[in-house]
Amino acid sequence: MGQKLNETQITSTKRREESLVQSIQGKVKGELTEKGEKRLAFFSQFLSFCNQRTNLFSRISPPSYQDFIYAGTGISGTLWCVEIWKRKSRVSFGFSSPSIELNKLRFESTFVHKTEIENICGESLEWHFKDDQVQRGIRSNSKLGGMDDEDKWSDIQKDLIDRLIKLERALKPYISKF
């Protein structure tokens, strides 16, 4: 049979447990804060550059709690998106209506012009479509890196802005008909 703990041992064990929990919580909070600060810095710089070249994100504030920023297009159920993760980044145009049918109709009417759109963008795009998903999108992936590539942030941001401008120019004639 095991030994019974006395009150002093119980109190000591509780203090160690509380200390360990506080230490773990502090580390997690520190990591989240560090990540948040990094996101805030990246998107602040991005928006500063972006707003000099296009007004697509002119009404958007930089986030510190998510890996993306969205901006409306002026057409209900559509949006522009910039996403960045540890090692990759991209821009996209999203079909975001709550109506699966409307998103599918808009996606298909745009997909018909895939060749023209990709020619203007100068690359093959990722046409994200799944029948069971409400949202669909057209994505342009940067090959320059992501959040962990701080020494390349300026280049990544400029690349994302170039991709965003090309995607807008390529899609404008078609989305204006929505």
N, C-alpha and C. Protein backbone atom coordinates (compact mmCIF):
# COMPACT_ATOMS: atom_id res chain seq x y z
N MET A 1 0.83 -1.19 0.00
CA MET A 1 0.00 0.00 0.00
C MET A 1 0.86 1.24 0.00
N GLY A 2 0.33 2.31 -0.61
CA GLY A 2 1.07 3.56 -0.71
C GLY A 2 1.05 4.34 0.58
N GLN A 3 2.01 5.22 0.70
CA GLN A 3 2.10 6.08 1.86
C GLN A 3 1.08 7.20 1.77
N LYS A 4 0.56 7.61 2.92
CA LYS A 4 -0.35 8.75 2.96
C LYS A 4 0.49 10.02 3.06
N LEU A 5 0.05 11.05 2.34
CA LEU A 5 0.74 12.34 2.38
C LEU A 5 0.22 13.16 3.54
N ASN A 6 1.12 13.87 4.20
CA ASN A 6 0.66 14.76 5.27
C ASN A 6 0.29 16.11 4.67
N GLU A 7 -0.24 16.99 5.49
CA GLU A 7 -0.74 18.28 5.02
C GLU A 7 0.37 19.13 4.38
N THR A 8 1.54 19.11 4.91
CA THR A 8 2.66 19.88 4.36
C THR A 8 3.02 19.37 2.96
N GLN A 9 3.05 18.06 2.78
CA GLN A 9 3.37 17.49 1.48
C GLN A 9 2.29 17.82 0.45
N ILE A 10 1.04 17.78 0.89
CA ILE A 10 -0.08 18.09 -0.01
C ILE A 10 0.01 19.55 -0.46
N THR A 11 0.26 20.45 0.50
CA THR A 11 0.37 21.87 0.18
C THR A 11 1.54 22.12 -0.78
N SER A 12 2.67 21.47 -0.53
CA SER A 12 3.85 21.61 -1.37
C SER A 12 3.56 21.11 -2.79
N THR A 13 2.88 19.99 -2.89
CA THR A 13 2.53 19.42 -4.19
C THR A 13 1.59 20.36 -4.94
N LYS A 14 0.59 20.92 -4.24
CA LYS A 14 -0.34 21.86 -4.87
C LYS A 14 0.39 23.10 -5.38
N ARG A 15 1.34 23.61 -4.58
CA ARG A 15 2.10 24.79 -5.00
C ARG A 15 2.92 24.49 -6.26
N ARG A 16 3.55 23.32 -6.31
CA ARG A 16 4.33 22.95 -7.50
C ARG A 16 3.43 22.84 -8.72
N GLU A 17 2.26 22.24 -8.54
CA GLU A 17 1.31 22.12 -9.65
C GLU A 17 0.86 23.50 -10.13
N GLU A 18 0.51 24.37 -9.17
CA GLU A 18 0.08 25.72 -9.54
C GLU A 18 1.20 26.47 -10.25
N SER A 19 2.41 26.33 -9.78
CA SER A 19 3.56 26.99 -10.39
C SER A 19 3.77 26.48 -11.82
N LEU A 20 3.65 25.17 -11.99
CA LEU A 20 3.82 24.57 -13.31
C LEU A 20 2.74 25.08 -14.27
N VAL A 21 1.49 25.11 -13.79
CA VAL A 21 0.38 25.58 -14.63
C VAL A 21 0.61 27.04 -15.02
N GLN A 22 1.01 27.89 -14.05
CA GLN A 22 1.27 29.29 -14.35
C GLN A 22 2.40 29.45 -15.35
N SER A 23 3.42 28.63 -15.20
CA SER A 23 4.56 28.68 -16.12
C SER A 23 4.13 28.32 -17.53
N ILE A 24 3.35 27.27 -17.65
CA ILE A 24 2.85 26.84 -18.96
C ILE A 24 1.96 27.91 -19.56
N GLN A 25 1.04 28.45 -18.76
CA GLN A 25 0.15 29.50 -19.26
C GLN A 25 0.94 30.71 -19.71
N GLY A 26 1.94 31.09 -18.97
CA GLY A 26 2.77 32.24 -19.34
C GLY A 26 3.48 32.02 -20.65
N LYS A 27 4.01 30.81 -20.86
CA LYS A 27 4.71 30.51 -22.11
C LYS A 27 3.74 30.56 -23.28
N VAL A 28 2.56 29.98 -23.11
CA VAL A 28 1.57 29.99 -24.19
C VAL A 28 1.17 31.42 -24.50
N LYS A 29 0.89 32.22 -23.46
CA LYS A 29 0.52 33.61 -23.68
C LYS A 29 1.64 34.35 -24.38
N GLY A 30 2.87 34.10 -23.99
CA GLY A 30 4.02 34.74 -24.61
C GLY A 30 4.14 34.38 -26.07
N GLU A 31 3.92 33.12 -26.40
CA GLU A 31 4.00 32.69 -27.80
C GLU A 31 2.89 33.33 -28.62
N LEU A 32 1.70 33.36 -28.08
CA LEU A 32 0.59 33.96 -28.80
C LEU A 32 0.84 35.45 -28.99
N THR A 33 1.34 36.11 -27.96
CA THR A 33 1.62 37.53 -28.06
C THR A 33 2.70 37.78 -29.09
N GLU A 34 3.74 36.96 -29.08
CA GLU A 34 4.81 37.11 -30.06
C GLU A 34 4.28 36.90 -31.47
N LYS A 35 3.45 35.87 -31.66
CA LYS A 35 2.86 35.62 -32.98
C LYS A 35 1.97 36.79 -33.38
N GLY A 36 1.21 37.28 -32.42
CA GLY A 36 0.32 38.40 -32.69
C GLY A 36 1.09 39.65 -33.09
N GLU A 37 2.18 39.90 -32.38
CA GLU A 37 3.02 41.06 -32.72
C GLU A 37 3.62 40.91 -34.11
N LYS A 38 4.01 39.70 -34.45
CA LYS A 38 4.60 39.43 -35.76
C LYS A 38 3.56 39.64 -36.87
N ARG A 39 2.36 39.13 -36.65
CA ARG A 39 1.28 39.32 -37.64
C ARG A 39 0.97 40.80 -37.81
N LEU A 40 0.87 41.49 -36.68
CA LEU A 40 0.56 42.91 -36.71
C LEU A 40 1.63 43.67 -37.51
N ALA A 41 2.89 43.35 -37.28
CA ALA A 41 3.99 44.00 -38.00
C ALA A 41 3.91 43.69 -39.49
N PHE A 42 3.70 42.42 -39.83
CA PHE A 42 3.63 42.04 -41.25
C PHE A 42 2.49 42.75 -41.95
N PHE A 43 1.29 42.65 -41.38
CA PHE A 43 0.13 43.22 -42.07
C PHE A 43 0.14 44.75 -42.04
N SER A 44 0.74 45.36 -41.03
CA SER A 44 0.89 46.83 -41.02
C SER A 44 1.75 47.26 -42.19
N GLN A 45 2.88 46.59 -42.37
CA GLN A 45 3.76 46.89 -43.50
C GLN A 45 3.06 46.61 -44.82
N PHE A 46 2.38 45.46 -44.89
CA PHE A 46 1.68 45.09 -46.11
C PHE A 46 0.66 46.17 -46.49
N LEU A 47 -0.17 46.56 -45.53
CA LEU A 47 -1.22 47.54 -45.82
C LEU A 47 -0.62 48.90 -46.21
N SER A 48 0.48 49.26 -45.60
CA SER A 48 1.15 50.51 -45.96
C SER A 48 1.58 50.49 -47.43
N PHE A 49 2.23 49.40 -47.86
CA PHE A 49 2.63 49.25 -49.27
C PHE A 49 1.41 49.15 -50.18
N CYS A 50 0.46 48.31 -49.77
CA CYS A 50 -0.71 48.03 -50.60
C CYS A 50 -1.53 49.28 -50.87
N ASN A 51 -1.74 50.09 -49.84
CA ASN A 51 -2.58 51.28 -50.00
C ASN A 51 -1.93 52.35 -50.86
N GLN A 52 -0.65 52.21 -51.15
CA GLN A 52 0.02 53.13 -52.07
C GLN A 52 -0.25 52.74 -53.53
N ARG A 53 -0.66 51.48 -53.75
CA ARG A 53 -0.82 50.98 -55.12
C ARG A 53 -2.26 50.65 -55.51
N THR A 54 -3.09 50.35 -54.51
CA THR A 54 -4.49 49.99 -54.77
C THR A 54 -5.32 50.33 -53.53
N ASN A 55 -6.61 50.55 -53.74
CA ASN A 55 -7.46 50.87 -52.59
C ASN A 55 -8.26 49.65 -52.10
N LEU A 56 -7.91 48.47 -52.56
CA LEU A 56 -8.68 47.26 -52.20
C LEU A 56 -8.74 47.04 -50.69
N PHE A 57 -7.67 47.38 -49.98
CA PHE A 57 -7.62 47.16 -48.54
C PHE A 57 -7.53 48.47 -47.76
N SER A 58 -7.97 49.56 -48.36
CA SER A 58 -7.81 50.88 -47.74
C SER A 58 -8.64 51.05 -46.46
N ARG A 59 -9.66 50.26 -46.28
CA ARG A 59 -10.51 50.37 -45.07
C ARG A 59 -10.24 49.27 -44.05
N ILE A 60 -9.15 48.56 -44.22
CA ILE A 60 -8.84 47.42 -43.37
C ILE A 60 -7.74 47.76 -42.37
N SER A 61 -7.92 47.33 -41.13
CA SER A 61 -6.89 47.48 -40.10
C SER A 61 -6.10 46.19 -40.01
N PRO A 62 -4.82 46.28 -39.66
CA PRO A 62 -4.00 45.06 -39.56
C PRO A 62 -4.42 44.20 -38.36
N PRO A 63 -4.58 42.89 -38.57
CA PRO A 63 -4.96 42.00 -37.48
C PRO A 63 -3.72 41.50 -36.72
N SER A 64 -3.93 41.11 -35.48
CA SER A 64 -2.84 40.48 -34.72
C SER A 64 -3.25 39.08 -34.28
N TYR A 65 -4.47 38.68 -34.60
CA TYR A 65 -4.99 37.42 -34.11
C TYR A 65 -5.33 36.41 -35.21
N GLN A 66 -5.06 36.74 -36.46
CA GLN A 66 -5.36 35.80 -37.53
C GLN A 66 -4.31 35.90 -38.62
N ASP A 67 -4.25 34.88 -39.46
CA ASP A 67 -3.23 34.78 -40.50
C ASP A 67 -3.71 35.33 -41.83
N PHE A 68 -4.77 36.10 -41.84
CA PHE A 68 -5.35 36.59 -43.09
C PHE A 68 -6.05 37.92 -42.87
N ILE A 69 -6.25 38.63 -43.97
CA ILE A 69 -7.10 39.81 -43.96
C ILE A 69 -8.06 39.69 -45.14
N TYR A 70 -9.30 40.12 -44.91
CA TYR A 70 -10.33 40.12 -45.94
C TYR A 70 -10.73 41.56 -46.24
N ALA A 71 -11.16 41.78 -47.46
CA ALA A 71 -11.75 43.06 -47.84
C ALA A 71 -12.88 42.78 -48.82
N GLY A 72 -13.98 43.46 -48.62
CA GLY A 72 -15.10 43.31 -49.54
C GLY A 72 -14.77 43.88 -50.90
N THR A 73 -15.49 43.43 -51.91
CA THR A 73 -15.26 43.89 -53.28
C THR A 73 -16.25 44.97 -53.70
N GLY A 74 -17.26 45.19 -52.85
CA GLY A 74 -18.35 46.07 -53.23
C GLY A 74 -19.51 45.29 -53.83
N ILE A 75 -19.30 43.98 -54.01
CA ILE A 75 -20.35 43.10 -54.52
C ILE A 75 -20.65 42.08 -53.42
N SER A 76 -21.88 42.05 -52.98
CA SER A 76 -22.26 41.15 -51.89
C SER A 76 -21.85 39.70 -52.18
N GLY A 77 -21.27 39.06 -51.17
CA GLY A 77 -20.90 37.65 -51.31
C GLY A 77 -19.59 37.39 -52.02
N THR A 78 -18.75 38.43 -52.16
CA THR A 78 -17.43 38.25 -52.76
C THR A 78 -16.41 39.02 -51.94
N LEU A 79 -15.16 38.57 -51.95
CA LEU A 79 -14.13 39.24 -51.17
C LEU A 79 -12.73 38.98 -51.70
N TRP A 80 -11.82 39.86 -51.30
CA TRP A 80 -10.39 39.70 -51.55
C TRP A 80 -9.77 39.20 -50.26
N CYS A 81 -8.76 38.37 -50.38
CA CYS A 81 -8.11 37.83 -49.19
C CYS A 81 -6.60 37.75 -49.39
N VAL A 82 -5.87 38.08 -48.34
CA VAL A 82 -4.42 37.89 -48.29
C VAL A 82 -4.15 36.99 -47.09
N GLU A 83 -3.42 35.90 -47.33
CA GLU A 83 -3.15 34.93 -46.27
C GLU A 83 -1.64 34.70 -46.17
N ILE A 84 -1.17 34.54 -44.94
CA ILE A 84 0.24 34.21 -44.75
C ILE A 84 0.36 33.21 -43.60
N TRP A 85 1.17 32.20 -43.84
CA TRP A 85 1.47 31.20 -42.83
C TRP A 85 2.97 31.19 -42.59
N LYS A 86 3.46 30.21 -41.89
CA LYS A 86 4.89 30.17 -41.57
C LYS A 86 5.77 30.24 -42.81
N ARG A 87 5.47 29.43 -43.80
CA ARG A 87 6.38 29.31 -44.96
C ARG A 87 5.75 29.60 -46.31
N LYS A 88 4.49 30.02 -46.31
CA LYS A 88 3.84 30.30 -47.59
C LYS A 88 2.84 31.44 -47.44
N SER A 89 2.45 31.99 -48.58
CA SER A 89 1.50 33.09 -48.59
C SER A 89 0.75 33.09 -49.93
N ARG A 90 -0.40 33.76 -49.94
CA ARG A 90 -1.17 33.83 -51.18
C ARG A 90 -2.21 34.93 -51.10
N VAL A 91 -2.74 35.27 -52.26
CA VAL A 91 -3.90 36.15 -52.37
C VAL A 91 -5.01 35.34 -53.03
N SER A 92 -6.24 35.75 -52.77
CA SER A 92 -7.34 35.03 -53.40
C SER A 92 -8.56 35.93 -53.55
N PHE A 93 -9.41 35.50 -54.45
CA PHE A 93 -10.73 36.09 -54.62
C PHE A 93 -11.71 35.04 -54.15
N GLY A 94 -12.60 35.40 -53.24
CA GLY A 94 -13.51 34.42 -52.68
C GLY A 94 -14.96 34.66 -53.04
N PHE A 95 -15.63 33.56 -53.28
CA PHE A 95 -17.08 33.56 -53.48
C PHE A 95 -17.65 33.16 -52.12
N SER A 96 -18.18 34.11 -51.38
CA SER A 96 -18.48 33.87 -49.97
C SER A 96 -19.94 34.07 -49.58
N SER A 97 -20.82 34.00 -50.53
CA SER A 97 -22.24 34.11 -50.21
C SER A 97 -22.66 32.90 -49.37
N PRO A 98 -23.62 33.05 -48.48
CA PRO A 98 -24.11 31.88 -47.75
C PRO A 98 -24.84 30.88 -48.66
N SER A 99 -25.14 31.31 -49.88
CA SER A 99 -25.85 30.45 -50.83
C SER A 99 -24.86 29.62 -51.66
N ILE A 100 -24.89 28.31 -51.47
CA ILE A 100 -24.04 27.40 -52.24
C ILE A 100 -24.32 27.56 -53.73
N GLU A 101 -25.60 27.68 -54.07
CA GLU A 101 -25.99 27.79 -55.47
C GLU A 101 -25.43 29.05 -56.12
N LEU A 102 -25.51 30.17 -55.40
CA LEU A 102 -25.00 31.43 -55.95
C LEU A 102 -23.49 31.37 -56.12
N ASN A 103 -22.78 30.84 -55.13
CA ASN A 103 -21.32 30.71 -55.24
C ASN A 103 -20.94 29.81 -56.40
N LYS A 104 -21.67 28.71 -56.56
CA LYS A 104 -21.39 27.78 -57.65
C LYS A 104 -21.63 28.45 -59.01
N LEU A 105 -22.73 29.17 -59.14
CA LEU A 105 -23.05 29.87 -60.37
C LEU A 105 -21.97 30.92 -60.71
N ARG A 106 -21.58 31.70 -59.72
CA ARG A 106 -20.55 32.72 -59.94
C ARG A 106 -19.20 32.08 -60.28
N PHE A 107 -18.86 31.04 -59.56
CA PHE A 107 -17.59 30.35 -59.81
C PHE A 107 -17.57 29.81 -61.24
N GLU A 108 -18.62 29.12 -61.62
CA GLU A 108 -18.68 28.52 -62.96
C GLU A 108 -18.68 29.57 -64.06
N SER A 109 -19.38 30.69 -63.82
CA SER A 109 -19.40 31.74 -64.85
C SER A 109 -18.04 32.42 -64.98
N THR A 110 -17.25 32.40 -63.94
CA THR A 110 -15.88 32.93 -63.99
C THR A 110 -14.92 31.90 -64.58
N PHE A 111 -15.11 30.65 -64.21
CA PHE A 111 -14.23 29.57 -64.67
C PHE A 111 -14.23 29.44 -66.20
N VAL A 112 -15.33 29.79 -66.82
CA VAL A 112 -15.43 29.76 -68.28
C VAL A 112 -14.33 30.63 -68.91
N HIS A 113 -13.88 31.63 -68.18
CA HIS A 113 -12.87 32.58 -68.68
C HIS A 113 -11.49 32.30 -68.09
N LYS A 114 -11.27 31.08 -67.64
CA LYS A 114 -10.03 30.70 -66.97
C LYS A 114 -8.79 31.06 -67.78
N THR A 115 -8.77 30.74 -69.04
CA THR A 115 -7.60 31.00 -69.88
C THR A 115 -7.28 32.49 -69.94
N GLU A 116 -8.29 33.33 -70.19
CA GLU A 116 -8.08 34.77 -70.26
C GLU A 116 -7.59 35.32 -68.92
N ILE A 117 -8.20 34.85 -67.84
CA ILE A 117 -7.84 35.31 -66.49
C ILE A 117 -6.39 34.93 -66.16
N GLU A 118 -6.03 33.69 -66.44
CA GLU A 118 -4.67 33.24 -66.14
C GLU A 118 -3.64 33.92 -67.03
N ASN A 119 -4.01 34.24 -68.27
CA ASN A 119 -3.09 34.98 -69.15
C ASN A 119 -2.80 36.37 -68.59
N ILE A 120 -3.81 37.05 -68.09
CA ILE A 120 -3.60 38.37 -67.50
C ILE A 120 -2.76 38.27 -66.23
N CYS A 121 -3.00 37.24 -65.45
CA CYS A 121 -2.23 37.05 -64.20
C CYS A 121 -0.81 36.56 -64.47
N GLY A 122 -0.60 35.96 -65.64
CA GLY A 122 0.72 35.46 -66.00
C GLY A 122 1.10 34.17 -65.31
N GLU A 123 0.11 33.43 -64.86
CA GLU A 123 0.37 32.17 -64.16
C GLU A 123 -0.89 31.31 -64.12
N SER A 124 -0.68 30.03 -63.84
CA SER A 124 -1.82 29.15 -63.56
C SER A 124 -2.28 29.44 -62.14
N LEU A 125 -3.57 29.60 -61.99
CA LEU A 125 -4.15 29.88 -60.68
C LEU A 125 -4.71 28.60 -60.08
N GLU A 126 -4.94 28.62 -58.81
CA GLU A 126 -5.57 27.50 -58.12
C GLU A 126 -7.07 27.81 -58.04
N TRP A 127 -7.86 27.01 -58.74
CA TRP A 127 -9.31 27.19 -58.76
C TRP A 127 -9.90 26.26 -57.73
N HIS A 128 -10.23 26.80 -56.58
CA HIS A 128 -10.67 26.00 -55.43
C HIS A 128 -12.18 25.81 -55.49
N PHE A 129 -12.58 24.57 -55.73
CA PHE A 129 -14.00 24.26 -55.88
C PHE A 129 -14.28 22.87 -55.31
N LYS A 130 -15.25 22.79 -54.44
CA LYS A 130 -15.74 21.50 -53.94
C LYS A 130 -17.25 21.62 -53.84
N ASP A 131 -17.94 20.61 -54.36
CA ASP A 131 -19.41 20.65 -54.36
C ASP A 131 -20.01 20.81 -52.97
N ASP A 132 -19.38 20.21 -51.97
CA ASP A 132 -19.97 20.22 -50.63
C ASP A 132 -19.56 21.44 -49.80
N GLN A 133 -18.75 22.33 -50.36
CA GLN A 133 -18.33 23.52 -49.63
C GLN A 133 -19.13 24.73 -50.07
N VAL A 134 -19.47 25.56 -49.12
CA VAL A 134 -20.20 26.78 -49.44
C VAL A 134 -19.29 27.75 -50.18
N GLN A 135 -18.09 27.98 -49.63
CA GLN A 135 -17.19 28.97 -50.22
C GLN A 135 -16.27 28.35 -51.27
N ARG A 136 -15.99 29.16 -52.27
CA ARG A 136 -15.08 28.77 -53.35
C ARG A 136 -14.13 29.93 -53.59
N GLY A 137 -13.04 29.67 -54.28
CA GLY A 137 -12.12 30.76 -54.51
C GLY A 137 -11.15 30.53 -55.65
N ILE A 138 -10.49 31.61 -56.02
CA ILE A 138 -9.44 31.59 -57.04
C ILE A 138 -8.20 32.12 -56.34
N ARG A 139 -7.14 31.32 -56.33
CA ARG A 139 -5.96 31.64 -55.53
C ARG A 139 -4.71 31.81 -56.38
N SER A 140 -3.87 32.73 -55.92
CA SER A 140 -2.56 32.96 -56.52
C SER A 140 -1.52 32.81 -55.40
N ASN A 141 -0.70 31.77 -55.50
CA ASN A 141 0.26 31.44 -54.45
C ASN A 141 1.61 32.10 -54.70
N SER A 142 2.11 32.77 -53.68
CA SER A 142 3.45 33.36 -53.76
C SER A 142 4.47 32.25 -53.54
N LYS A 143 5.58 32.38 -54.21
CA LYS A 143 6.64 31.38 -54.06
C LYS A 143 7.81 31.92 -53.25
N LEU A 144 7.62 33.09 -52.64
CA LEU A 144 8.72 33.75 -51.94
C LEU A 144 8.84 33.40 -50.47
N GLY A 145 7.80 32.84 -49.88
CA GLY A 145 7.91 32.46 -48.47
C GLY A 145 6.72 32.91 -47.66
N GLY A 146 6.95 32.97 -46.33
CA GLY A 146 5.88 33.29 -45.41
C GLY A 146 6.35 34.06 -44.20
N MET A 147 5.60 33.97 -43.13
CA MET A 147 5.83 34.73 -41.91
C MET A 147 7.22 34.50 -41.31
N ASP A 148 7.74 33.29 -41.42
CA ASP A 148 9.05 32.99 -40.84
C ASP A 148 10.21 33.59 -41.62
N ASP A 149 9.93 34.09 -42.82
CA ASP A 149 10.98 34.65 -43.68
C ASP A 149 11.05 36.18 -43.51
N GLU A 150 11.30 36.62 -42.30
CA GLU A 150 11.26 38.06 -41.99
C GLU A 150 12.19 38.88 -42.87
N ASP A 151 13.32 38.32 -43.23
CA ASP A 151 14.27 39.05 -44.08
C ASP A 151 13.73 39.26 -45.49
N LYS A 152 12.67 38.54 -45.86
CA LYS A 152 12.07 38.66 -47.20
C LYS A 152 10.70 39.35 -47.16
N TRP A 153 10.27 39.83 -46.00
CA TRP A 153 8.92 40.39 -45.89
C TRP A 153 8.62 41.43 -46.96
N SER A 154 9.52 42.34 -47.18
CA SER A 154 9.27 43.40 -48.16
C SER A 154 9.01 42.81 -49.55
N ASP A 155 9.83 41.84 -49.93
CA ASP A 155 9.65 41.19 -51.24
C ASP A 155 8.35 40.39 -51.28
N ILE A 156 8.05 39.69 -50.20
CA ILE A 156 6.80 38.90 -50.13
C ILE A 156 5.60 39.84 -50.24
N GLN A 157 5.62 40.93 -49.49
CA GLN A 157 4.51 41.87 -49.51
C GLN A 157 4.32 42.47 -50.90
N LYS A 158 5.40 42.87 -51.53
CA LYS A 158 5.30 43.43 -52.89
C LYS A 158 4.79 42.40 -53.88
N ASP A 159 5.23 41.15 -53.72
CA ASP A 159 4.76 40.07 -54.59
C ASP A 159 3.26 39.84 -54.39
N LEU A 160 2.81 39.84 -53.16
CA LEU A 160 1.38 39.65 -52.88
C LEU A 160 0.56 40.80 -53.47
N ILE A 161 1.07 42.00 -53.36
CA ILE A 161 0.35 43.16 -53.92
C ILE A 161 0.29 43.06 -55.45
N ASP A 162 1.40 42.69 -56.08
CA ASP A 162 1.40 42.50 -57.54
C ASP A 162 0.37 41.45 -57.94
N ARG A 163 0.32 40.34 -57.21
CA ARG A 163 -0.63 39.27 -57.50
C ARG A 163 -2.07 39.76 -57.32
N LEU A 164 -2.29 40.51 -56.27
CA LEU A 164 -3.62 41.05 -55.98
C LEU A 164 -4.09 41.98 -57.10
N ILE A 165 -3.21 42.87 -57.54
CA ILE A 165 -3.55 43.81 -58.61
C ILE A 165 -3.84 43.08 -59.91
N LYS A 166 -3.01 42.11 -60.25
CA LYS A 166 -3.25 41.32 -61.47
C LYS A 166 -4.56 40.56 -61.38
N LEU A 167 -4.82 39.95 -60.23
CA LEU A 167 -6.05 39.18 -60.06
C LEU A 167 -7.27 40.09 -60.17
N GLU A 168 -7.19 41.26 -59.58
CA GLU A 168 -8.31 42.21 -59.69
C GLU A 168 -8.53 42.62 -61.15
N ARG A 169 -7.45 42.96 -61.84
CA ARG A 169 -7.55 43.38 -63.25
C ARG A 169 -8.13 42.25 -64.11
N ALA A 170 -7.71 41.02 -63.83
CA ALA A 170 -8.19 39.87 -64.62
C ALA A 170 -9.65 39.54 -64.35
N LEU A 171 -10.09 39.71 -63.11
CA LEU A 171 -11.45 39.32 -62.74
C LEU A 171 -12.49 40.43 -62.91
N LYS A 172 -12.05 41.66 -62.93
CA LYS A 172 -12.97 42.80 -62.95
C LYS A 172 -14.07 42.71 -64.01
N PRO A 173 -13.77 42.37 -65.26
CA PRO A 173 -14.84 42.32 -66.27
C PRO A 173 -15.91 41.26 -65.96
N TYR A 174 -15.53 40.23 -65.24
CA TYR A 174 -16.46 39.13 -64.99
C TYR A 174 -17.24 39.33 -63.69
N ILE A 175 -16.56 39.81 -62.65
CA ILE A 175 -17.26 39.99 -61.39
C ILE A 175 -18.17 41.21 -61.42
N SER A 176 -17.92 42.13 -62.31
CA SER A 176 -18.81 43.31 -62.43
C SER A 176 -20.20 42.90 -62.91
N LYS A 177 -20.31 41.70 -63.47
CA LYS A 177 -21.60 41.19 -63.97
C LYS A 177 -22.39 40.45 -62.88
N PHE A 178 -21.77 40.26 -61.72
CA PHE A 178 -22.48 39.56 -60.63
C PHE A 178 -23.57 40.47 -60.15
